[in-house]
Amino acid sequence: MTTQEVLDEIAYVAWHDIRIIEESVGKVAVSLPARDDLLNYMGTGHAGAIFTLAETAAGVAADSIAQTLGAFILLHQATVKYTRRAQGELTATGKAIDATLENARAAFAQNGRADLSIGAVVHDAEGEPVFEGTFDYALRARKS
């Protein structure tokens, strides 16, 4: 099953119509269409939809690393900053924060659990950043 097919199976994510643009281990880019039902009362991108896009990007990036370790992920903390009004189609990039990646791999190999941080940035249709965040995931061993 492709990553897009997995996302399409998650009803909440599928309702947003989030699409994968590009993916590799530890990094992903996704898009969110410009739709009236994803806007707030001011006619700009709804904060919840923007967060969903960013967390989806971060989650896919984190999960791609977890899969290489035989792990699964649990979001345990997020730090977010909305930087300007969001308009039009949005794109988000999620990327493993290098400083935590090697520590996470080493800790997981030793203990079967680790923490991993993923940075996420959402850009509007003009390429301007509208959101910046860090998503912290717990990596846990999959049971056989």
N, C-alpha and C. Protein backbone atom coordinates (compact mmCIF):
# COMPACT_ATOMS: atom_id res chain seq x y z
N MET A 1 0.85 -1.17 0.00
CA MET A 1 0.00 0.00 0.00
C MET A 1 0.90 1.24 0.00
N THR A 2 0.61 2.19 -0.87
CA THR A 2 1.41 3.42 -0.92
C THR A 2 1.05 4.32 0.27
N THR A 3 1.91 5.28 0.54
CA THR A 3 1.63 6.23 1.62
C THR A 3 0.35 7.01 1.33
N GLN A 4 0.13 7.40 0.08
CA GLN A 4 -1.10 8.11 -0.27
C GLN A 4 -2.32 7.25 0.01
N GLU A 5 -2.24 5.96 -0.31
CA GLU A 5 -3.36 5.07 -0.02
C GLU A 5 -3.63 4.96 1.48
N VAL A 6 -2.57 4.95 2.27
CA VAL A 6 -2.73 4.92 3.73
C VAL A 6 -3.44 6.19 4.19
N LEU A 7 -2.99 7.35 3.70
CA LEU A 7 -3.63 8.61 4.08
C LEU A 7 -5.09 8.63 3.66
N ASP A 8 -5.40 8.07 2.50
CA ASP A 8 -6.77 8.04 2.01
C ASP A 8 -7.66 7.13 2.85
N GLU A 9 -7.07 6.23 3.62
CA GLU A 9 -7.82 5.34 4.52
C GLU A 9 -8.14 6.01 5.85
N ILE A 10 -7.48 7.12 6.16
CA ILE A 10 -7.73 7.85 7.41
C ILE A 10 -8.81 8.88 7.10
N ALA A 11 -10.01 8.64 7.57
CA ALA A 11 -11.17 9.45 7.18
C ALA A 11 -10.94 10.94 7.37
N TYR A 12 -10.39 11.35 8.49
CA TYR A 12 -10.19 12.77 8.77
C TYR A 12 -9.21 13.40 7.78
N VAL A 13 -8.13 12.72 7.50
CA VAL A 13 -7.14 13.22 6.54
C VAL A 13 -7.72 13.20 5.13
N ALA A 14 -8.41 12.11 4.78
CA ALA A 14 -9.00 12.00 3.45
C ALA A 14 -10.02 13.11 3.20
N TRP A 15 -10.80 13.47 4.22
CA TRP A 15 -11.79 14.54 4.06
C TRP A 15 -11.11 15.86 3.66
N HIS A 16 -9.91 16.10 4.16
CA HIS A 16 -9.17 17.31 3.81
C HIS A 16 -8.58 17.25 2.40
N ASP A 17 -8.49 16.04 1.83
CA ASP A 17 -7.93 15.81 0.49
C ASP A 17 -6.45 16.18 0.43
N ILE A 18 -5.73 15.79 1.48
CA ILE A 18 -4.29 16.02 1.52
C ILE A 18 -3.60 15.07 0.55
N ARG A 19 -2.71 15.61 -0.27
CA ARG A 19 -2.02 14.84 -1.31
C ARG A 19 -0.52 14.90 -1.10
N ILE A 20 0.13 13.78 -1.29
CA ILE A 20 1.59 13.72 -1.23
C ILE A 20 2.16 14.24 -2.54
N ILE A 21 3.10 15.17 -2.41
CA ILE A 21 3.77 15.73 -3.58
C ILE A 21 5.11 15.03 -3.79
N GLU A 22 5.81 14.80 -2.69
CA GLU A 22 7.15 14.21 -2.75
C GLU A 22 7.43 13.54 -1.42
N GLU A 23 8.12 12.41 -1.43
CA GLU A 23 8.47 11.76 -0.17
C GLU A 23 9.76 10.97 -0.28
N SER A 24 10.48 10.96 0.82
CA SER A 24 11.67 10.13 0.99
C SER A 24 11.77 9.86 2.49
N VAL A 25 12.68 9.01 2.89
CA VAL A 25 12.81 8.68 4.31
C VAL A 25 13.19 9.94 5.07
N GLY A 26 12.34 10.32 6.02
CA GLY A 26 12.61 11.47 6.87
C GLY A 26 12.17 12.81 6.32
N LYS A 27 11.57 12.82 5.12
CA LYS A 27 11.15 14.09 4.53
C LYS A 27 9.94 13.86 3.62
N VAL A 28 8.97 14.78 3.68
CA VAL A 28 7.80 14.68 2.83
C VAL A 28 7.26 16.07 2.53
N ALA A 29 6.62 16.22 1.38
CA ALA A 29 5.89 17.43 1.04
C ALA A 29 4.47 17.00 0.69
N VAL A 30 3.49 17.73 1.24
CA VAL A 30 2.08 17.43 1.00
C VAL A 30 1.34 18.72 0.66
N SER A 31 0.17 18.57 0.05
CA SER A 31 -0.61 19.76 -0.32
C SER A 31 -2.04 19.65 0.20
N LEU A 32 -2.64 20.82 0.37
CA LEU A 32 -4.03 20.95 0.80
C LEU A 32 -4.71 21.88 -0.20
N PRO A 33 -5.80 21.44 -0.82
CA PRO A 33 -6.44 22.28 -1.83
C PRO A 33 -7.10 23.51 -1.22
N ALA A 34 -7.30 24.52 -2.05
CA ALA A 34 -8.05 25.71 -1.64
C ALA A 34 -9.53 25.35 -1.77
N ARG A 35 -10.22 25.26 -0.62
CA ARG A 35 -11.64 24.92 -0.60
C ARG A 35 -12.36 25.84 0.37
N ASP A 36 -13.55 26.26 0.03
CA ASP A 36 -14.32 27.14 0.90
C ASP A 36 -14.59 26.54 2.27
N ASP A 37 -14.78 25.21 2.34
CA ASP A 37 -15.08 24.60 3.63
C ASP A 37 -13.84 24.40 4.51
N LEU A 38 -12.67 24.86 4.04
CA LEU A 38 -11.44 24.83 4.85
C LEU A 38 -11.03 26.23 5.29
N LEU A 39 -11.97 27.18 5.15
CA LEU A 39 -11.69 28.57 5.51
C LEU A 39 -12.34 28.93 6.84
N ASN A 40 -11.78 29.95 7.50
CA ASN A 40 -12.38 30.46 8.73
C ASN A 40 -13.38 31.57 8.39
N TYR A 41 -13.92 32.21 9.40
CA TYR A 41 -14.93 33.24 9.18
C TYR A 41 -14.38 34.48 8.50
N MET A 42 -13.05 34.63 8.44
CA MET A 42 -12.42 35.75 7.75
C MET A 42 -12.10 35.44 6.29
N GLY A 43 -12.36 34.19 5.89
CA GLY A 43 -12.10 33.80 4.51
C GLY A 43 -10.67 33.38 4.24
N THR A 44 -9.89 33.14 5.30
CA THR A 44 -8.52 32.65 5.15
C THR A 44 -8.45 31.22 5.70
N GLY A 45 -7.32 30.59 5.50
CA GLY A 45 -7.15 29.19 5.91
C GLY A 45 -7.46 28.99 7.38
N HIS A 46 -8.29 28.00 7.67
CA HIS A 46 -8.66 27.68 9.04
C HIS A 46 -7.45 27.10 9.78
N ALA A 47 -7.21 27.57 11.00
CA ALA A 47 -6.05 27.11 11.77
C ALA A 47 -6.04 25.59 11.94
N GLY A 48 -7.21 24.99 12.11
CA GLY A 48 -7.27 23.54 12.27
C GLY A 48 -6.87 22.80 11.02
N ALA A 49 -7.27 23.31 9.87
CA ALA A 49 -6.89 22.68 8.60
C ALA A 49 -5.38 22.82 8.36
N ILE A 50 -4.84 23.98 8.71
CA ILE A 50 -3.40 24.21 8.55
C ILE A 50 -2.62 23.26 9.47
N PHE A 51 -3.07 23.14 10.72
CA PHE A 51 -2.42 22.23 11.66
C PHE A 51 -2.49 20.80 11.14
N THR A 52 -3.66 20.40 10.64
CA THR A 52 -3.81 19.04 10.11
C THR A 52 -2.83 18.78 8.98
N LEU A 53 -2.67 19.74 8.09
CA LEU A 53 -1.72 19.59 6.98
C LEU A 53 -0.30 19.43 7.52
N ALA A 54 0.09 20.30 8.44
CA ALA A 54 1.45 20.26 9.00
C ALA A 54 1.70 18.96 9.76
N GLU A 55 0.73 18.54 10.57
CA GLU A 55 0.91 17.32 11.35
C GLU A 55 0.93 16.09 10.45
N THR A 56 0.19 16.13 9.35
CA THR A 56 0.23 15.02 8.40
C THR A 56 1.62 14.93 7.78
N ALA A 57 2.18 16.07 7.37
CA ALA A 57 3.53 16.06 6.81
C ALA A 57 4.53 15.54 7.83
N ALA A 58 4.45 16.04 9.05
CA ALA A 58 5.38 15.60 10.10
C ALA A 58 5.19 14.12 10.40
N GLY A 59 3.94 13.68 10.48
CA GLY A 59 3.67 12.29 10.79
C GLY A 59 4.17 11.33 9.72
N VAL A 60 4.00 11.70 8.47
CA VAL A 60 4.49 10.85 7.38
C VAL A 60 6.02 10.78 7.42
N ALA A 61 6.67 11.92 7.66
CA ALA A 61 8.13 11.93 7.76
C ALA A 61 8.60 11.06 8.93
N ALA A 62 7.95 11.22 10.08
CA ALA A 62 8.32 10.42 11.26
C ALA A 62 8.07 8.93 11.02
N ASP A 63 6.93 8.62 10.43
CA ASP A 63 6.59 7.22 10.18
C ASP A 63 7.57 6.57 9.20
N SER A 64 8.05 7.34 8.23
CA SER A 64 9.01 6.76 7.27
C SER A 64 10.29 6.33 7.98
N ILE A 65 10.67 7.06 9.01
CA ILE A 65 11.85 6.68 9.82
C ILE A 65 11.50 5.49 10.70
N ALA A 66 10.33 5.56 11.35
CA ALA A 66 9.90 4.48 12.23
C ALA A 66 9.86 3.15 11.50
N GLN A 67 9.38 3.15 10.26
CA GLN A 67 9.30 1.91 9.49
C GLN A 67 10.67 1.28 9.29
N THR A 68 11.72 2.09 9.15
CA THR A 68 13.08 1.53 8.97
C THR A 68 13.58 0.89 10.25
N LEU A 69 12.95 1.21 11.39
CA LEU A 69 13.37 0.69 12.68
C LEU A 69 12.45 -0.41 13.22
N GLY A 70 11.35 -0.67 12.52
CA GLY A 70 10.36 -1.61 13.04
C GLY A 70 9.58 -0.99 14.20
N ALA A 71 9.34 0.31 14.12
CA ALA A 71 8.67 1.05 15.19
C ALA A 71 7.36 1.64 14.69
N PHE A 72 6.58 2.17 15.63
CA PHE A 72 5.42 2.98 15.29
C PHE A 72 5.57 4.30 16.03
N ILE A 73 4.77 5.29 15.66
CA ILE A 73 4.90 6.64 16.23
C ILE A 73 3.66 7.04 17.01
N LEU A 74 3.90 7.87 18.02
CA LEU A 74 2.84 8.51 18.80
C LEU A 74 3.22 9.96 18.98
N LEU A 75 2.37 10.86 18.55
CA LEU A 75 2.62 12.29 18.76
C LEU A 75 2.44 12.59 20.24
N HIS A 76 3.45 13.22 20.86
CA HIS A 76 3.29 13.55 22.28
C HIS A 76 3.43 15.04 22.56
N GLN A 77 3.84 15.82 21.58
CA GLN A 77 3.95 17.26 21.80
C GLN A 77 4.11 17.98 20.47
N ALA A 78 3.57 19.18 20.40
CA ALA A 78 3.74 20.01 19.22
C ALA A 78 3.91 21.45 19.68
N THR A 79 4.82 22.14 19.02
CA THR A 79 5.02 23.57 19.23
C THR A 79 4.75 24.23 17.89
N VAL A 80 3.78 25.13 17.86
CA VAL A 80 3.38 25.70 16.58
C VAL A 80 3.34 27.22 16.62
N LYS A 81 3.53 27.81 15.44
CA LYS A 81 3.46 29.26 15.29
C LYS A 81 2.82 29.56 13.94
N TYR A 82 1.70 30.27 13.98
CA TYR A 82 1.07 30.74 12.75
C TYR A 82 1.69 32.09 12.43
N THR A 83 2.25 32.23 11.23
CA THR A 83 3.06 33.41 10.93
C THR A 83 2.37 34.46 10.07
N ARG A 84 1.32 34.09 9.35
CA ARG A 84 0.55 35.05 8.55
C ARG A 84 -0.72 34.37 8.05
N ARG A 85 -1.63 35.15 7.51
CA ARG A 85 -2.87 34.58 6.97
C ARG A 85 -2.57 33.65 5.81
N ALA A 86 -3.28 32.55 5.78
CA ALA A 86 -3.08 31.55 4.74
C ALA A 86 -4.16 31.68 3.69
N GLN A 87 -3.74 31.75 2.41
CA GLN A 87 -4.70 31.84 1.32
C GLN A 87 -4.28 30.93 0.18
N GLY A 88 -5.28 30.35 -0.47
CA GLY A 88 -5.02 29.50 -1.62
C GLY A 88 -4.59 28.10 -1.22
N GLU A 89 -4.12 27.36 -2.21
CA GLU A 89 -3.61 26.01 -1.96
C GLU A 89 -2.39 26.13 -1.05
N LEU A 90 -2.28 25.21 -0.10
CA LEU A 90 -1.16 25.22 0.84
C LEU A 90 -0.31 23.98 0.65
N THR A 91 0.99 24.14 0.89
CA THR A 91 1.90 22.99 0.87
C THR A 91 2.66 22.96 2.18
N ALA A 92 2.92 21.77 2.66
CA ALA A 92 3.68 21.60 3.90
C ALA A 92 4.83 20.66 3.65
N THR A 93 5.95 20.96 4.28
CA THR A 93 7.11 20.08 4.26
C THR A 93 7.40 19.64 5.68
N GLY A 94 7.54 18.36 5.86
CA GLY A 94 7.95 17.79 7.14
C GLY A 94 9.31 17.17 6.96
N LYS A 95 10.22 17.47 7.89
CA LYS A 95 11.59 16.95 7.77
C LYS A 95 12.14 16.64 9.15
N ALA A 96 12.78 15.49 9.27
CA ALA A 96 13.41 15.11 10.53
C ALA A 96 14.46 16.14 10.91
N ILE A 97 14.48 16.50 12.16
CA ILE A 97 15.49 17.43 12.67
C ILE A 97 16.74 16.60 12.93
N ASP A 98 17.78 16.86 12.13
CA ASP A 98 18.98 16.03 12.13
C ASP A 98 19.57 15.80 13.51
N ALA A 99 19.53 16.81 14.36
CA ALA A 99 20.13 16.69 15.70
C ALA A 99 19.45 15.59 16.52
N THR A 100 18.18 15.32 16.26
CA THR A 100 17.48 14.28 17.02
C THR A 100 17.48 12.93 16.33
N LEU A 101 17.73 12.91 15.03
CA LEU A 101 17.59 11.68 14.26
C LEU A 101 18.58 10.60 14.69
N GLU A 102 19.85 10.92 14.75
CA GLU A 102 20.85 9.91 15.13
C GLU A 102 20.67 9.47 16.58
N ASN A 103 20.31 10.41 17.46
CA ASN A 103 20.04 10.05 18.86
C ASN A 103 18.85 9.10 18.93
N ALA A 104 17.83 9.37 18.14
CA ALA A 104 16.65 8.51 18.14
C ALA A 104 17.00 7.11 17.65
N ARG A 105 17.75 7.02 16.60
CA ARG A 105 18.14 5.69 16.07
C ARG A 105 18.95 4.91 17.10
N ALA A 106 19.90 5.59 17.74
CA ALA A 106 20.73 4.92 18.75
C ALA A 106 19.91 4.50 19.97
N ALA A 107 19.05 5.38 20.44
CA ALA A 107 18.22 5.07 21.62
C ALA A 107 17.26 3.93 21.31
N PHE A 108 16.68 3.95 20.10
CA PHE A 108 15.74 2.89 19.75
C PHE A 108 16.46 1.54 19.66
N ALA A 109 17.65 1.53 19.07
CA ALA A 109 18.41 0.28 18.96
C ALA A 109 18.74 -0.29 20.34
N GLN A 110 18.99 0.59 21.29
CA GLN A 110 19.36 0.15 22.64
C GLN A 110 18.15 -0.19 23.51
N ASN A 111 17.07 0.61 23.42
CA ASN A 111 15.96 0.49 24.36
C ASN A 111 14.62 0.09 23.75
N GLY A 112 14.53 0.09 22.41
CA GLY A 112 13.24 -0.20 21.78
C GLY A 112 12.25 0.95 21.91
N ARG A 113 12.76 2.13 22.26
CA ARG A 113 11.93 3.34 22.36
C ARG A 113 12.83 4.55 22.22
N ALA A 114 12.27 5.62 21.68
CA ALA A 114 13.06 6.84 21.49
C ALA A 114 12.11 8.00 21.20
N ASP A 115 12.66 9.20 21.20
CA ASP A 115 11.92 10.40 20.82
C ASP A 115 12.53 10.96 19.55
N LEU A 116 11.68 11.51 18.69
CA LEU A 116 12.10 12.04 17.41
C LEU A 116 11.36 13.33 17.14
N SER A 117 12.08 14.37 16.71
CA SER A 117 11.46 15.66 16.38
C SER A 117 11.46 15.88 14.88
N ILE A 118 10.32 16.38 14.41
CA ILE A 118 10.13 16.67 12.99
C ILE A 118 9.75 18.14 12.87
N GLY A 119 10.45 18.86 12.01
CA GLY A 119 10.09 20.24 11.73
C GLY A 119 9.11 20.29 10.58
N ALA A 120 8.14 21.21 10.65
CA ALA A 120 7.16 21.36 9.58
C ALA A 120 6.97 22.84 9.26
N VAL A 121 6.89 23.14 7.97
CA VAL A 121 6.63 24.49 7.51
C VAL A 121 5.52 24.40 6.47
N VAL A 122 4.53 25.30 6.59
CA VAL A 122 3.45 25.37 5.61
C VAL A 122 3.61 26.67 4.84
N HIS A 123 3.51 26.56 3.52
CA HIS A 123 3.61 27.73 2.63
C HIS A 123 2.29 27.94 1.91
N ASP A 124 1.97 29.21 1.63
CA ASP A 124 0.76 29.53 0.87
C ASP A 124 1.04 29.46 -0.62
N ALA A 125 0.05 29.83 -1.41
CA ALA A 125 0.16 29.74 -2.87
C ALA A 125 1.28 30.61 -3.44
N GLU A 126 1.65 31.69 -2.73
CA GLU A 126 2.74 32.57 -3.17
C GLU A 126 4.11 32.10 -2.66
N GLY A 127 4.13 31.00 -1.91
CA GLY A 127 5.38 30.48 -1.39
C GLY A 127 5.80 31.10 -0.07
N GLU A 128 4.91 31.89 0.53
CA GLU A 128 5.22 32.53 1.82
C GLU A 128 4.90 31.57 2.96
N PRO A 129 5.76 31.50 3.98
CA PRO A 129 5.45 30.63 5.13
C PRO A 129 4.30 31.20 5.95
N VAL A 130 3.34 30.32 6.28
CA VAL A 130 2.18 30.72 7.08
C VAL A 130 2.15 29.99 8.42
N PHE A 131 3.01 29.00 8.58
CA PHE A 131 3.02 28.15 9.78
C PHE A 131 4.40 27.53 9.93
N GLU A 132 4.89 27.48 11.15
CA GLU A 132 6.13 26.76 11.47
C GLU A 132 5.87 25.95 12.72
N GLY A 133 6.35 24.74 12.75
CA GLY A 133 6.12 23.93 13.93
C GLY A 133 7.14 22.83 14.09
N THR A 134 7.17 22.31 15.31
CA THR A 134 7.97 21.13 15.63
C THR A 134 7.03 20.11 16.26
N PHE A 135 7.07 18.91 15.74
CA PHE A 135 6.23 17.82 16.22
C PHE A 135 7.13 16.75 16.82
N ASP A 136 6.90 16.45 18.08
CA ASP A 136 7.72 15.48 18.80
C ASP A 136 6.97 14.16 18.92
N TYR A 137 7.58 13.12 18.41
CA TYR A 137 6.98 11.79 18.39
C TYR A 137 7.75 10.83 19.28
N ALA A 138 7.01 9.95 19.90
CA ALA A 138 7.60 8.82 20.61
C ALA A 138 7.67 7.66 19.62
N LEU A 139 8.82 7.04 19.52
CA LEU A 139 8.98 5.84 18.72
C LEU A 139 8.89 4.65 19.66
N ARG A 140 8.06 3.69 19.32
CA ARG A 140 7.89 2.50 20.15
C ARG A 140 7.98 1.27 19.26
N ALA A 141 8.48 0.19 19.83
CA ALA A 141 8.66 -1.06 19.07
C ALA A 141 7.32 -1.67 18.73
N ARG A 142 7.22 -2.17 17.52
CA ARG A 142 6.02 -2.91 17.12
C ARG A 142 6.08 -4.28 17.76
N LYS A 143 4.94 -4.73 18.21
CA LYS A 143 4.83 -6.09 18.78
C LYS A 143 4.69 -7.06 17.63
N SER A 144 5.35 -8.20 17.73
CA SER A 144 5.29 -9.22 16.65
C SER A 144 3.95 -9.88 16.59
